[in-house]
């Protein structure tokens, strides 16, 4: 950018709004937290799935145990997640 006089300086000058940069950083942090919670949810469900599959395969026939284990793991995961959310709300009061 070439400036020949003061008028060019004022016309070609760019203003940076620092509030936008702060909001951008906060959005990036929120995005990373959402990604972390997504992968944490997958990990917790996988752990429940492994434990319930192991227990049910030792008790039942495998072709019955695996579908039951998937349903049971999902139900267990949803109930634990709701329970934790209620406990956090109770603790925040």
N, C-alpha and C. Protein backbone atom coordinates (compact mmCIF):
# COMPACT_ATOMS: atom_id res chain seq x y z
N UNK A 1 0.85 -1.16 0.00
CA UNK A 1 0.00 0.00 0.00
C UNK A 1 0.90 1.23 0.00
N UNK A 2 0.70 2.04 -0.98
CA UNK A 2 1.52 3.24 -1.11
C UNK A 2 0.72 4.46 -0.69
N UNK A 3 1.29 5.28 0.17
CA UNK A 3 0.63 6.49 0.65
C UNK A 3 1.38 7.71 0.12
N UNK A 4 0.64 8.56 -0.58
CA UNK A 4 1.28 9.75 -1.14
C UNK A 4 1.05 10.99 -0.29
N UNK A 5 -0.05 11.01 0.43
CA UNK A 5 -0.30 12.15 1.31
C UNK A 5 -1.16 11.69 2.49
N UNK A 6 -1.46 12.60 3.36
CA UNK A 6 -2.21 12.27 4.57
C UNK A 6 -3.62 11.80 4.27
N UNK A 7 -4.22 12.30 3.19
CA UNK A 7 -5.57 11.89 2.82
C UNK A 7 -5.60 10.39 2.47
N UNK A 8 -4.59 9.93 1.75
CA UNK A 8 -4.49 8.51 1.44
C UNK A 8 -4.38 7.67 2.71
N UNK A 9 -3.66 8.20 3.68
CA UNK A 9 -3.50 7.47 4.95
C UNK A 9 -4.85 7.24 5.61
N UNK A 10 -5.68 8.27 5.67
CA UNK A 10 -6.98 8.13 6.31
C UNK A 10 -7.94 7.27 5.51
N UNK A 11 -7.83 7.28 4.20
CA UNK A 11 -8.72 6.47 3.36
C UNK A 11 -8.35 4.99 3.41
N UNK A 12 -7.09 4.68 3.49
CA UNK A 12 -6.64 3.29 3.41
C UNK A 12 -6.38 2.67 4.78
N UNK A 13 -6.68 3.40 5.81
CA UNK A 13 -6.45 2.92 7.17
C UNK A 13 -7.51 1.89 7.55
N UNK A 14 -7.10 0.84 8.24
CA UNK A 14 -8.03 -0.20 8.70
C UNK A 14 -8.14 -0.14 10.21
N UNK A 15 -9.36 -0.28 10.69
CA UNK A 15 -9.60 -0.29 12.12
C UNK A 15 -9.87 -1.71 12.57
N UNK A 16 -9.27 -2.08 13.68
CA UNK A 16 -9.46 -3.42 14.23
C UNK A 16 -10.32 -3.29 15.48
N UNK A 17 -11.41 -4.02 15.47
CA UNK A 17 -12.29 -4.03 16.64
C UNK A 17 -11.83 -5.16 17.56
N UNK A 18 -11.32 -4.82 18.73
CA UNK A 18 -10.78 -5.82 19.62
C UNK A 18 -11.87 -6.69 20.25
N UNK A 19 -13.09 -6.19 20.29
CA UNK A 19 -14.20 -7.01 20.80
C UNK A 19 -14.46 -8.20 19.89
N UNK A 20 -14.32 -7.98 18.58
CA UNK A 20 -14.50 -9.10 17.65
C UNK A 20 -13.42 -10.15 17.83
N UNK A 21 -12.20 -9.73 18.08
CA UNK A 21 -11.12 -10.71 18.27
C UNK A 21 -11.32 -11.49 19.57
N UNK A 22 -11.84 -10.83 20.61
CA UNK A 22 -12.13 -11.54 21.85
C UNK A 22 -13.26 -12.53 21.63
N UNK A 23 -14.29 -12.12 20.89
CA UNK A 23 -15.40 -13.03 20.60
C UNK A 23 -14.93 -14.21 19.76
N UNK A 24 -14.01 -13.97 18.84
CA UNK A 24 -13.48 -15.04 18.02
C UNK A 24 -12.74 -16.05 18.88
N UNK A 25 -11.93 -15.57 19.81
CA UNK A 25 -11.20 -16.47 20.70
C UNK A 25 -12.16 -17.27 21.57
N UNK A 26 -13.22 -16.63 22.07
CA UNK A 26 -14.20 -17.32 22.91
C UNK A 26 -14.95 -18.37 22.09
N UNK A 27 -15.26 -18.04 20.84
CA UNK A 27 -15.93 -19.03 19.98
C UNK A 27 -15.04 -20.23 19.73
N UNK A 28 -13.74 -19.99 19.55
CA UNK A 28 -12.80 -21.09 19.34
C UNK A 28 -12.72 -21.98 20.58
N UNK A 29 -12.70 -21.36 21.75
CA UNK A 29 -12.66 -22.13 23.00
C UNK A 29 -13.94 -22.95 23.14
N UNK A 30 -15.09 -22.33 22.85
CA UNK A 30 -16.37 -23.05 22.94
C UNK A 30 -16.41 -24.22 21.95
N UNK A 31 -15.86 -24.02 20.77
CA UNK A 31 -15.83 -25.09 19.77
C UNK A 31 -14.97 -26.26 20.27
N UNK A 32 -13.84 -25.97 20.86
CA UNK A 32 -12.97 -27.03 21.39
C UNK A 32 -13.63 -27.77 22.54
N UNK A 33 -14.35 -27.05 23.39
CA UNK A 33 -15.05 -27.69 24.50
C UNK A 33 -16.14 -28.61 23.98
N UNK A 34 -16.87 -28.17 22.94
CA UNK A 34 -17.90 -29.03 22.35
C UNK A 34 -17.28 -30.29 21.76
N UNK A 35 -16.14 -30.15 21.08
CA UNK A 35 -15.46 -31.32 20.52
C UNK A 35 -15.01 -32.27 21.63
N UNK A 36 -14.47 -31.71 22.70
CA UNK A 36 -14.03 -32.54 23.82
C UNK A 36 -15.20 -33.28 24.45
N UNK A 37 -16.32 -32.60 24.64
CA UNK A 37 -17.47 -33.26 25.25
C UNK A 37 -18.02 -34.34 24.33
N UNK A 38 -17.98 -34.11 23.01
CA UNK A 38 -18.44 -35.13 22.06
C UNK A 38 -17.60 -36.40 22.18
N UNK A 39 -16.29 -36.25 22.18
CA UNK A 39 -15.43 -37.43 22.25
C UNK A 39 -15.47 -38.07 23.64
N UNK A 40 -15.70 -37.30 24.67
CA UNK A 40 -15.87 -37.85 26.00
C UNK A 40 -17.14 -38.69 26.07
N UNK A 41 -18.21 -38.20 25.46
CA UNK A 41 -19.45 -38.97 25.42
C UNK A 41 -19.26 -40.30 24.70
N UNK A 42 -18.54 -40.28 23.60
CA UNK A 42 -18.26 -41.52 22.86
C UNK A 42 -17.44 -42.48 23.72
N UNK A 43 -16.46 -41.95 24.42
CA UNK A 43 -15.60 -42.80 25.26
C UNK A 43 -16.40 -43.43 26.40
N UNK A 44 -17.25 -42.64 27.05
CA UNK A 44 -18.05 -43.18 28.16
C UNK A 44 -19.00 -44.26 27.66
N UNK A 45 -19.67 -44.00 26.54
CA UNK A 45 -20.57 -45.01 25.98
C UNK A 45 -19.79 -46.28 25.62
N UNK A 46 -18.62 -46.13 25.06
CA UNK A 46 -17.81 -47.30 24.69
C UNK A 46 -17.40 -48.11 25.91
N UNK A 47 -17.07 -47.43 26.99
CA UNK A 47 -16.71 -48.15 28.22
C UNK A 47 -17.90 -48.93 28.76
N UNK A 48 -19.08 -48.28 28.78
CA UNK A 48 -20.29 -48.99 29.21
C UNK A 48 -20.57 -50.19 28.31
N UNK A 49 -20.37 -50.00 27.00
CA UNK A 49 -20.62 -51.08 26.06
C UNK A 49 -19.68 -52.26 26.30
N UNK A 50 -18.43 -52.00 26.55
CA UNK A 50 -17.46 -53.07 26.79
C UNK A 50 -17.82 -53.85 28.05
N UNK A 51 -18.12 -53.12 29.14
CA UNK A 51 -18.44 -53.81 30.40
C UNK A 51 -19.73 -54.62 30.29
N UNK A 52 -20.77 -54.04 29.72
CA UNK A 52 -22.04 -54.79 29.62
C UNK A 52 -21.92 -55.96 28.66
N UNK A 53 -21.16 -55.79 27.59
CA UNK A 53 -20.97 -56.92 26.66
C UNK A 53 -20.21 -58.05 27.35
N UNK A 54 -19.18 -57.71 28.08
CA UNK A 54 -18.40 -58.73 28.79
C UNK A 54 -19.26 -59.49 29.79
N UNK A 55 -20.05 -58.75 30.55
CA UNK A 55 -20.90 -59.39 31.56
C UNK A 55 -21.98 -60.25 30.91
N UNK A 56 -22.65 -59.72 29.88
CA UNK A 56 -23.74 -60.46 29.26
C UNK A 56 -23.26 -61.65 28.43
N UNK A 57 -22.09 -61.54 27.82
CA UNK A 57 -21.57 -62.69 27.06
C UNK A 57 -21.20 -63.83 27.99
N UNK A 58 -20.79 -63.49 29.20
CA UNK A 58 -20.46 -64.56 30.15
C UNK A 58 -21.72 -65.23 30.69
N UNK A 59 -22.88 -64.54 30.60
CA UNK A 59 -24.12 -65.11 31.11
C UNK A 59 -25.04 -65.67 30.04
N UNK A 60 -25.04 -65.07 28.84
CA UNK A 60 -25.97 -65.45 27.78
C UNK A 60 -25.23 -65.90 26.53
N UNK A 61 -26.00 -66.34 25.56
CA UNK A 61 -25.46 -66.68 24.25
C UNK A 61 -25.07 -65.38 23.56
N UNK A 62 -23.97 -65.37 22.81
CA UNK A 62 -23.44 -64.12 22.28
C UNK A 62 -24.39 -63.41 21.31
N UNK A 63 -25.16 -64.16 20.50
CA UNK A 63 -26.04 -63.49 19.55
C UNK A 63 -27.23 -62.82 20.24
N UNK A 64 -27.49 -63.17 21.49
CA UNK A 64 -28.50 -62.46 22.29
C UNK A 64 -27.83 -61.36 23.11
N UNK A 65 -26.66 -61.65 23.62
CA UNK A 65 -25.98 -60.74 24.55
C UNK A 65 -25.56 -59.43 23.90
N UNK A 66 -25.10 -59.48 22.67
CA UNK A 66 -24.57 -58.27 22.04
C UNK A 66 -25.66 -57.23 21.76
N UNK A 67 -26.79 -57.59 21.14
CA UNK A 67 -27.84 -56.56 20.96
C UNK A 67 -28.40 -56.05 22.29
N UNK A 68 -28.56 -56.95 23.25
CA UNK A 68 -29.04 -56.53 24.57
C UNK A 68 -28.02 -55.59 25.22
N UNK A 69 -26.76 -55.88 25.04
CA UNK A 69 -25.70 -55.05 25.60
C UNK A 69 -25.72 -53.65 25.01
N UNK A 70 -25.95 -53.53 23.71
CA UNK A 70 -26.00 -52.20 23.07
C UNK A 70 -27.15 -51.38 23.63
N UNK A 71 -28.33 -51.99 23.74
CA UNK A 71 -29.50 -51.29 24.27
C UNK A 71 -29.28 -50.93 25.73
N UNK A 72 -28.77 -51.87 26.51
CA UNK A 72 -28.53 -51.63 27.93
C UNK A 72 -27.47 -50.54 28.15
N UNK A 73 -26.42 -50.54 27.34
CA UNK A 73 -25.39 -49.51 27.44
C UNK A 73 -25.94 -48.13 27.12
N UNK A 74 -26.76 -48.04 26.10
CA UNK A 74 -27.36 -46.76 25.74
C UNK A 74 -28.28 -46.25 26.85
N UNK A 75 -29.09 -47.14 27.41
CA UNK A 75 -29.98 -46.74 28.51
C UNK A 75 -29.17 -46.32 29.73
N UNK A 76 -28.13 -47.06 30.04
CA UNK A 76 -27.27 -46.73 31.17
C UNK A 76 -26.57 -45.39 30.96
N UNK A 77 -26.07 -45.17 29.77
CA UNK A 77 -25.39 -43.92 29.44
C UNK A 77 -26.34 -42.72 29.57
N UNK A 78 -27.54 -42.83 29.03
CA UNK A 78 -28.51 -41.73 29.10
C UNK A 78 -28.91 -41.44 30.55
N UNK A 79 -29.14 -42.50 31.32
CA UNK A 79 -29.54 -42.27 32.71
C UNK A 79 -28.42 -41.65 33.54
N UNK A 80 -27.19 -42.09 33.32
CA UNK A 80 -26.06 -41.53 34.05
C UNK A 80 -25.84 -40.07 33.65
N UNK A 81 -25.98 -39.76 32.38
CA UNK A 81 -25.79 -38.39 31.91
C UNK A 81 -26.86 -37.46 32.50
N UNK A 82 -28.11 -37.92 32.54
CA UNK A 82 -29.17 -37.11 33.15
C UNK A 82 -28.96 -36.96 34.65
N UNK A 83 -28.51 -38.02 35.29
CA UNK A 83 -28.24 -37.97 36.72
C UNK A 83 -27.13 -36.99 37.06
N UNK A 84 -26.08 -36.98 36.26
CA UNK A 84 -24.99 -36.05 36.48
C UNK A 84 -25.45 -34.61 36.26
N UNK A 85 -26.27 -34.40 35.24
CA UNK A 85 -26.79 -33.05 34.99
C UNK A 85 -27.64 -32.56 36.15
N UNK A 86 -28.49 -33.45 36.69
CA UNK A 86 -29.30 -33.06 37.84
C UNK A 86 -28.45 -32.80 39.07
N UNK A 87 -27.41 -33.60 39.28
CA UNK A 87 -26.53 -33.41 40.42
C UNK A 87 -25.78 -32.08 40.32
N UNK A 88 -25.36 -31.73 39.13
CA UNK A 88 -24.66 -30.45 38.95
C UNK A 88 -25.60 -29.28 39.22
N UNK A 89 -26.84 -29.38 38.72
CA UNK A 89 -27.82 -28.31 38.98
C UNK A 89 -28.11 -28.20 40.47
N UNK A 90 -28.19 -29.35 41.16
CA UNK A 90 -28.46 -29.34 42.60
C UNK A 90 -27.29 -28.72 43.36
N UNK A 91 -26.06 -29.02 42.94
CA UNK A 91 -24.88 -28.50 43.61
C UNK A 91 -24.71 -27.00 43.36
N UNK A 92 -25.17 -26.51 42.23
CA UNK A 92 -25.02 -25.10 41.89
C UNK A 92 -26.01 -24.21 42.63
N UNK A 93 -27.04 -24.79 43.22
CA UNK A 93 -28.05 -23.99 43.95
C UNK A 93 -27.50 -23.48 45.25
